Amino acid sequence: MHFADYVTIRVKAGDGGRGCVSFRREKYVPRGGPDGGDGGRGGHIVIRATKELNTLIDLRYRREYRALRGGHGKGKKMHGRDGEDLVIAVPVGTIVKDADSQEVLADLDTDGKEALIARGGRGGLGNAHFTTSVKQAPRFAQPGEKGEQRRLVLELKLLADVGLIGLPNAGKSTLLSVISAARPKTAAYPFTTLTPVLGVVKVSDYRSFVVADIPGLIEGAHRGAGLGFQFLRHVERTALLLHLVDVSESAPGDPVADFETVRRELELYSVELARKPHVVACTKIDIAGTGEKRGRMERYCRERGLECFPVSSITGAGIPELLAHLARRLKTATRLLPP
């Protein structure tokens, strides 16, 4: 499945219908007078969140949306029919912005939440409205008003409780596949995850939480390097960050340096994001070695008051303790909803 989380579209609400110029002409009704009806209202543009969608891919192939215009007024004071509203469905977590001013018009963060984005034009009044004591047969009516139109930016920010972050090949996808039913691509090379992946982790019969696997960050991600810049927006909504660090002796880098690289990229992208609660997972402890890297990372976490959990996605070591800790932290964590 293709993933799309940023789309620009153009919307045009329906124009209002014209008012009617008409005069009542019936046998035995002399001087019946004006009876032109009003035009109908144009259709509104409404954007509605639905849990049935998880990507904006459909909107990439249709960039322009127009609601129906209102019907024109008719004789006998018949009102034109209102134009049908056009409802655009988007995934839960979509932010709607005006493309020109960048003003946030709506944050659709719950299922069924909707926003009226462009109003349909008001229908014109028929000539029956313009009768006066000195003008008893007006031969004019109002045209309908134009419907609003605007360019919109739709930006999807996934709603997850825990965001998995770390350098490429730190073991995020493998961990997610072990703790949930998600099946992200895993391989022995960097950047196997090209799009965010969500998984539901069940802790007990009554407790579960959602984890988002974010494509690996590299140095310079905040400027667009690698894939991280493209998807950092998805960890903005999470309540907790789980930072995975590869401590296997075969890993090419130093775990402390790797950790600081990712933290620095978070700070450069968003200070608020870097302040989110962090939990550290030292991954791949099943790979044989001296344990020097693991020990250095654990000392680093102790010195800075960071909670650190050595885990292995292959053997399952440490994973129950990690999940139980995440569930406890989520009880008190506050989710940040950025603009």
Protein backbone atom coordinates (compact mmCIF):
# COMPACT_ATOMS: atom_id res chain seq x y z
CA MET A 1 0.00 0.00 0.00
CA HIS A 2 1.25 3.47 -0.85
CA PHE A 3 1.39 6.00 1.96
CA ALA A 4 0.66 9.70 1.56
CA ASP A 5 0.66 12.18 4.43
CA TYR A 6 0.84 15.58 2.71
CA VAL A 7 -1.49 16.76 -0.06
CA THR A 8 -2.50 20.10 -1.57
CA ILE A 9 -5.99 20.39 -3.04
CA ARG A 10 -8.31 23.10 -4.34
CA VAL A 11 -11.94 23.31 -3.22
CA LYS A 12 -14.83 25.37 -4.57
CA ALA A 13 -18.18 25.61 -2.78
CA GLY A 14 -21.32 25.80 -4.90
CA ASP A 15 -22.64 29.12 -6.17
CA GLY A 16 -26.06 30.27 -5.04
CA GLY A 17 -28.96 29.98 -7.50
CA ARG A 18 -30.47 33.05 -9.19
CA GLY A 19 -33.65 34.63 -7.95
CA CYS A 20 -36.53 34.48 -10.42
CA VAL A 21 -38.37 37.33 -12.16
CA SER A 22 -41.96 36.15 -12.55
CA PHE A 23 -45.52 37.51 -12.39
CA ARG A 24 -48.62 35.68 -11.38
CA ARG A 25 -50.89 35.23 -14.35
CA GLU A 26 -54.08 33.32 -13.65
CA LYS A 27 -57.63 33.62 -14.87
CA TYR A 28 -59.82 35.65 -12.52
CA VAL A 29 -56.74 36.98 -10.67
CA PRO A 30 -56.25 40.46 -12.08
CA ARG A 31 -52.90 42.08 -11.38
CA GLY A 32 -51.54 39.00 -9.61
CA GLY A 33 -48.23 40.70 -8.98
CA PRO A 34 -44.66 39.44 -8.82
CA ASP A 35 -44.17 35.89 -7.61
CA GLY A 36 -40.54 35.10 -8.44
CA GLY A 37 -38.98 32.63 -5.98
CA ASP A 38 -35.53 32.69 -4.37
CA GLY A 39 -32.50 30.77 -5.53
CA GLY A 40 -31.13 27.89 -3.46
CA ARG A 41 -27.94 27.95 -1.44
CA GLY A 42 -24.81 26.47 -2.98
CA GLY A 43 -23.35 23.32 -1.45
CA HIS A 44 -20.76 23.63 1.31
CA ILE A 45 -17.37 21.87 1.32
CA VAL A 46 -17.02 19.74 4.48
CA ILE A 47 -13.98 17.69 5.51
CA ARG A 48 -14.69 14.77 7.84
CA ALA A 49 -12.31 12.43 9.68
CA THR A 50 -12.89 8.70 9.49
CA LYS A 51 -11.04 5.76 11.00
CA GLU A 52 -11.73 3.82 7.80
CA LEU A 53 -8.81 5.62 6.11
CA ASN A 54 -5.16 5.71 7.14
CA THR A 55 -3.57 7.64 4.29
CA LEU A 56 -4.26 10.63 2.02
CA ILE A 57 -3.37 8.68 -1.11
CA ASP A 58 -6.84 9.02 -2.70
CA LEU A 59 -6.62 12.81 -2.62
CA ARG A 60 -3.36 12.73 -4.56
CA TYR A 61 -5.18 11.59 -7.67
CA ARG A 62 -7.97 14.14 -7.45
CA ARG A 63 -6.77 17.65 -6.64
CA GLU A 64 -9.94 19.68 -7.26
CA TYR A 65 -13.31 19.40 -5.53
CA ARG A 66 -16.48 21.32 -6.41
CA ALA A 67 -19.79 21.28 -4.61
CA LEU A 68 -23.06 21.59 -6.53
CA ARG A 69 -24.61 24.99 -7.14
CA GLY A 70 -28.01 25.93 -5.81
CA GLY A 71 -31.09 25.66 -8.01
CA HIS A 72 -32.59 28.81 -9.54
CA GLY A 73 -35.84 30.23 -8.20
CA LYS A 74 -39.08 29.70 -10.14
CA GLY A 75 -42.46 31.29 -10.52
CA LYS A 76 -45.23 30.88 -7.94
CA LYS A 77 -42.62 31.79 -5.31
CA MET A 78 -40.95 28.40 -5.70
CA HIS A 79 -37.59 28.26 -3.94
CA GLY A 80 -34.64 26.73 -5.79
CA ARG A 81 -33.20 23.55 -4.30
CA ASP A 82 -30.11 23.92 -2.10
CA GLY A 83 -26.93 22.44 -3.54
CA GLU A 84 -25.79 19.20 -1.93
CA ASP A 85 -22.83 19.55 0.42
CA LEU A 86 -19.62 17.84 -0.67
CA VAL A 87 -18.02 15.79 2.13
CA ILE A 88 -14.33 14.90 1.73
CA ALA A 89 -13.22 11.95 3.89
CA VAL A 90 -9.73 12.03 5.44
CA PRO A 91 -7.93 9.89 8.03
CA VAL A 92 -8.18 10.70 11.72
CA GLY A 93 -5.25 12.94 12.63
CA THR A 94 -5.45 15.19 9.56
CA ILE A 95 -4.72 18.88 9.95
CA VAL A 96 -6.34 21.24 7.41
CA LYS A 97 -4.50 24.47 6.58
CA ASP A 98 -5.08 27.34 4.20
CA ALA A 99 -2.33 26.92 1.60
CA ASP A 100 -1.81 30.67 1.17
CA SER A 101 -1.88 31.93 4.77
CA GLN A 102 -0.87 28.63 6.48
CA GLU A 103 -3.68 29.23 8.97
CA VAL A 104 -4.86 26.03 10.66
CA LEU A 105 -8.53 25.67 9.76
CA ALA A 106 -9.22 22.35 11.50
CA ASP A 107 -7.54 19.60 13.47
CA LEU A 108 -9.56 16.45 12.84
CA ASP A 109 -8.22 14.31 15.66
CA THR A 110 -11.27 12.14 16.40
CA ASP A 111 -13.40 9.81 14.31
CA GLY A 112 -16.41 11.61 12.83
CA LYS A 113 -15.12 15.10 13.56
CA GLU A 114 -15.79 17.47 10.68
CA ALA A 115 -15.17 21.04 9.63
CA LEU A 116 -16.99 23.34 7.22
CA ILE A 117 -14.11 24.59 5.07
CA ALA A 118 -15.82 26.55 2.29
CA ARG A 119 -19.35 27.99 2.44
CA GLY A 120 -21.75 27.77 -0.43
CA GLY A 121 -23.03 31.01 -1.92
CA ARG A 122 -26.36 32.38 -0.72
CA GLY A 123 -29.23 32.17 -3.20
CA GLY A 124 -30.50 35.37 -4.81
CA LEU A 125 -33.89 36.84 -3.89
CA GLY A 126 -36.72 36.66 -6.40
CA ASN A 127 -38.60 39.74 -7.52
CA ALA A 128 -41.41 38.99 -5.06
CA HIS A 129 -39.17 40.48 -2.34
CA PHE A 130 -38.81 43.86 -4.00
CA THR A 131 -42.43 45.00 -4.18
CA THR A 132 -43.08 48.42 -2.66
CA SER A 133 -45.99 50.85 -2.69
CA VAL A 134 -44.36 52.77 -5.53
CA LYS A 135 -42.81 49.81 -7.36
CA GLN A 136 -45.48 47.16 -7.57
CA ALA A 137 -44.06 45.24 -10.52
CA PRO A 138 -40.26 44.96 -10.09
CA ARG A 139 -38.64 43.36 -13.10
CA PHE A 140 -35.38 42.38 -11.44
CA ALA A 141 -34.06 39.77 -9.02
CA GLN A 142 -30.77 39.07 -7.30
CA PRO A 143 -28.10 36.81 -8.77
CA GLY A 144 -26.78 34.11 -6.47
CA GLU A 145 -23.60 34.70 -4.49
CA LYS A 146 -20.38 32.94 -5.46
CA GLY A 147 -19.30 30.02 -3.31
CA GLU A 148 -16.03 30.27 -1.40
CA GLN A 149 -12.95 28.73 -2.93
CA ARG A 150 -9.52 28.13 -1.45
CA ARG A 151 -6.39 26.07 -1.71
CA LEU A 152 -5.88 23.66 1.17
CA VAL A 153 -2.95 21.75 2.61
CA LEU A 154 -3.92 18.46 4.23
CA GLU A 155 -1.27 17.13 6.58
CA LEU A 156 -1.65 13.77 8.28
CA LYS A 157 -0.08 13.26 11.69
CA LEU A 158 -0.59 9.71 12.88
CA LEU A 159 -2.20 9.26 16.29
CA ALA A 160 -0.08 6.85 18.29
CA ASP A 161 0.78 6.48 21.97
CA VAL A 162 4.42 5.50 21.52
CA GLY A 163 6.76 6.55 18.71
CA LEU A 164 9.73 4.34 17.85
CA ILE A 165 12.78 6.41 16.90
CA GLY A 166 16.42 5.65 16.24
CA LEU A 167 19.00 5.39 13.51
CA PRO A 168 18.29 3.16 10.49
CA ASN A 169 18.65 -0.55 11.28
CA ALA A 170 18.36 -0.01 15.04
CA GLY A 171 15.73 -2.78 15.20
CA LYS A 172 12.51 -0.72 15.24
CA SER A 173 10.65 -2.76 12.64
CA THR A 174 11.69 -6.09 14.14
CA LEU A 175 10.55 -4.98 17.60
CA LEU A 176 7.19 -3.79 16.27
CA SER A 177 6.63 -7.10 14.46
CA VAL A 178 7.30 -8.97 17.73
CA ILE A 179 5.11 -6.89 20.06
CA SER A 180 2.15 -6.40 17.68
CA ALA A 181 0.42 -7.91 14.67
CA ALA A 182 2.03 -5.34 12.34
CA ARG A 183 4.32 -6.74 9.67
CA PRO A 184 6.73 -4.01 8.60
CA LYS A 185 9.51 -4.90 6.19
CA THR A 186 12.70 -6.06 7.92
CA ALA A 187 16.11 -6.65 6.38
CA ALA A 188 19.83 -6.44 7.19
CA TYR A 189 20.29 -3.04 5.58
CA PRO A 190 19.29 0.54 6.48
CA PHE A 191 16.04 2.25 5.45
CA THR A 192 13.97 -0.91 5.12
CA THR A 193 11.03 1.10 6.52
CA LEU A 194 10.02 3.69 3.95
CA THR A 195 6.68 4.71 5.46
CA PRO A 196 5.33 4.93 9.04
CA VAL A 197 3.73 1.73 10.33
CA LEU A 198 1.22 1.44 13.18
CA GLY A 199 0.85 -1.53 15.47
CA VAL A 200 -1.46 -2.22 18.43
CA VAL A 201 0.31 -3.69 21.46
CA LYS A 202 -1.89 -5.69 23.81
CA VAL A 203 -0.56 -5.66 27.37
CA SER A 204 -3.50 -7.44 29.04
CA ASP A 205 -7.13 -8.29 28.33
CA TYR A 206 -8.16 -4.71 29.02
CA ARG A 207 -5.08 -2.66 28.20
CA SER A 208 -3.43 -1.89 24.88
CA PHE A 209 -1.63 0.98 23.20
CA VAL A 210 -0.64 2.04 19.69
CA VAL A 211 2.99 2.15 18.55
CA ALA A 212 4.24 3.97 15.43
CA ASP A 213 7.41 2.80 13.69
CA ILE A 214 8.95 5.92 12.14
CA PRO A 215 11.51 5.57 9.30
CA GLY A 216 15.08 5.88 10.60
CA LEU A 217 16.59 9.26 11.26
CA ILE A 218 20.10 10.27 10.23
CA GLU A 219 22.22 13.31 10.84
CA GLY A 220 20.74 16.27 8.97
CA ALA A 221 17.20 14.82 9.04
CA HIS A 222 15.75 18.17 10.19
CA ARG A 223 17.01 19.68 6.90
CA GLY A 224 15.57 16.87 4.79
CA ALA A 225 18.41 14.34 4.76
CA GLY A 226 17.33 10.72 4.55
CA LEU A 227 13.69 9.97 5.28
CA GLY A 228 13.31 11.33 8.79
CA PHE A 229 12.36 14.92 7.96
CA GLN A 230 9.47 13.65 5.88
CA PHE A 231 7.98 11.69 8.77
CA LEU A 232 9.07 13.49 11.95
CA ARG A 233 5.61 15.10 12.08
CA HIS A 234 4.16 11.72 13.03
CA VAL A 235 5.97 11.56 16.39
CA GLU A 236 4.73 15.03 17.35
CA ARG A 237 1.39 13.61 18.54
CA THR A 238 2.78 10.69 20.51
CA ALA A 239 2.73 10.72 24.30
CA LEU A 240 6.02 8.86 24.68
CA LEU A 241 9.14 8.21 22.60
CA LEU A 242 10.92 4.85 22.67
CA HIS A 243 14.47 5.43 21.50
CA LEU A 244 16.11 2.27 20.14
CA VAL A 245 19.91 2.01 20.16
CA ASP A 246 21.85 -0.90 18.65
CA VAL A 247 24.36 -2.07 21.30
CA SER A 248 25.57 -5.18 19.47
CA GLU A 249 29.34 -5.41 19.10
CA SER A 250 28.89 -5.74 15.33
CA ALA A 251 27.16 -2.35 15.07
CA PRO A 252 29.36 0.13 13.18
CA GLY A 253 28.87 3.16 15.44
CA ASP A 254 29.12 4.11 19.08
CA PRO A 255 25.74 3.76 20.83
CA VAL A 256 26.11 6.98 22.85
CA ALA A 257 27.02 8.95 19.72
CA ASP A 258 24.12 7.35 17.85
CA PHE A 259 21.71 8.31 20.63
CA GLU A 260 22.94 11.91 20.74
CA THR A 261 22.69 12.22 16.95
CA VAL A 262 18.99 11.38 16.99
CA ARG A 263 18.29 13.57 20.03
CA ARG A 264 20.02 16.48 18.33
CA GLU A 265 17.90 16.05 15.20
CA LEU A 266 14.74 16.06 17.32
CA GLU A 267 15.80 19.31 19.00
CA LEU A 268 16.62 20.98 15.69
CA TYR A 269 13.25 19.95 14.28
CA SER A 270 11.18 20.89 17.35
CA VAL A 271 12.18 21.82 20.90
CA GLU A 272 8.78 20.57 22.16
CA LEU A 273 9.36 17.22 20.48
CA ALA A 274 12.77 16.80 22.13
CA ARG A 275 11.19 17.45 25.53
CA LYS A 276 8.81 14.53 25.24
CA PRO A 277 9.32 11.69 27.74
CA HIS A 278 11.97 9.26 26.49
CA VAL A 279 12.54 5.61 27.24
CA VAL A 280 15.69 3.92 25.90
CA ALA A 281 15.82 0.36 24.60
CA CYS A 282 19.25 -1.21 24.04
CA THR A 283 18.55 -3.63 21.20
CA LYS A 284 20.17 -6.77 19.79
CA ILE A 285 21.62 -7.96 23.11
CA ASP A 286 21.37 -11.52 21.78
CA ILE A 287 24.34 -10.96 19.47
CA ALA A 288 27.46 -12.33 21.14
CA GLY A 289 30.14 -9.87 22.21
CA THR A 290 31.97 -8.37 25.14
CA GLY A 291 29.00 -6.24 26.24
CA GLU A 292 31.17 -3.13 26.30
CA LYS A 293 28.78 -1.05 24.17
CA ARG A 294 25.78 -2.12 26.20
CA GLY A 295 27.55 -1.21 29.45
CA ARG A 296 28.55 2.21 28.10
CA MET A 297 25.01 2.99 27.03
CA GLU A 298 23.54 1.87 30.34
CA ARG A 299 26.01 4.06 32.28
CA TYR A 300 25.15 7.00 30.03
CA CYS A 301 21.43 6.55 30.78
CA ARG A 302 21.97 6.23 34.53
CA GLU A 303 24.01 9.43 34.65
CA ARG A 304 21.22 11.34 32.91
CA GLY A 305 18.27 9.77 34.66
CA LEU A 306 17.01 7.96 31.55
CA GLU A 307 15.18 4.66 31.86
CA CYS A 308 17.03 1.99 29.91
CA PHE A 309 15.86 -1.52 29.00
CA PRO A 310 18.17 -4.07 27.31
CA VAL A 311 16.03 -6.15 24.92
CA SER A 312 16.27 -8.77 22.20
CA SER A 313 13.52 -9.08 19.61
CA ILE A 314 14.90 -12.50 18.63
CA THR A 315 14.90 -14.18 22.04
CA GLY A 316 12.25 -11.95 23.67
CA ALA A 317 14.58 -11.04 26.53
CA GLY A 318 13.56 -7.84 28.32
CA ILE A 319 10.48 -7.20 26.17
CA PRO A 320 7.77 -8.00 28.79
CA GLU A 321 9.46 -5.63 31.26
CA LEU A 322 9.71 -2.92 28.59
CA LEU A 323 6.04 -3.19 27.59
CA ALA A 324 4.87 -3.15 31.21
CA HIS A 325 6.93 -0.01 31.84
CA LEU A 326 5.55 1.72 28.72
CA ALA A 327 1.98 0.91 29.79
CA ARG A 328 2.61 2.43 33.23
CA ARG A 329 4.20 5.56 31.76
CA LEU A 330 1.29 6.07 29.38
CA LYS A 331 -1.14 6.30 32.29
CA THR A 332 0.36 9.63 33.29
CA ALA A 333 1.89 10.88 30.03
CA THR A 334 0.32 13.90 28.33
CA ARG A 335 -0.07 13.79 24.57
CA LEU A 336 1.22 16.88 22.79
CA LEU A 337 -1.03 18.09 20.00
CA PRO A 338 1.02 20.59 18.01
CA PRO A 339 -0.53 23.18 15.67
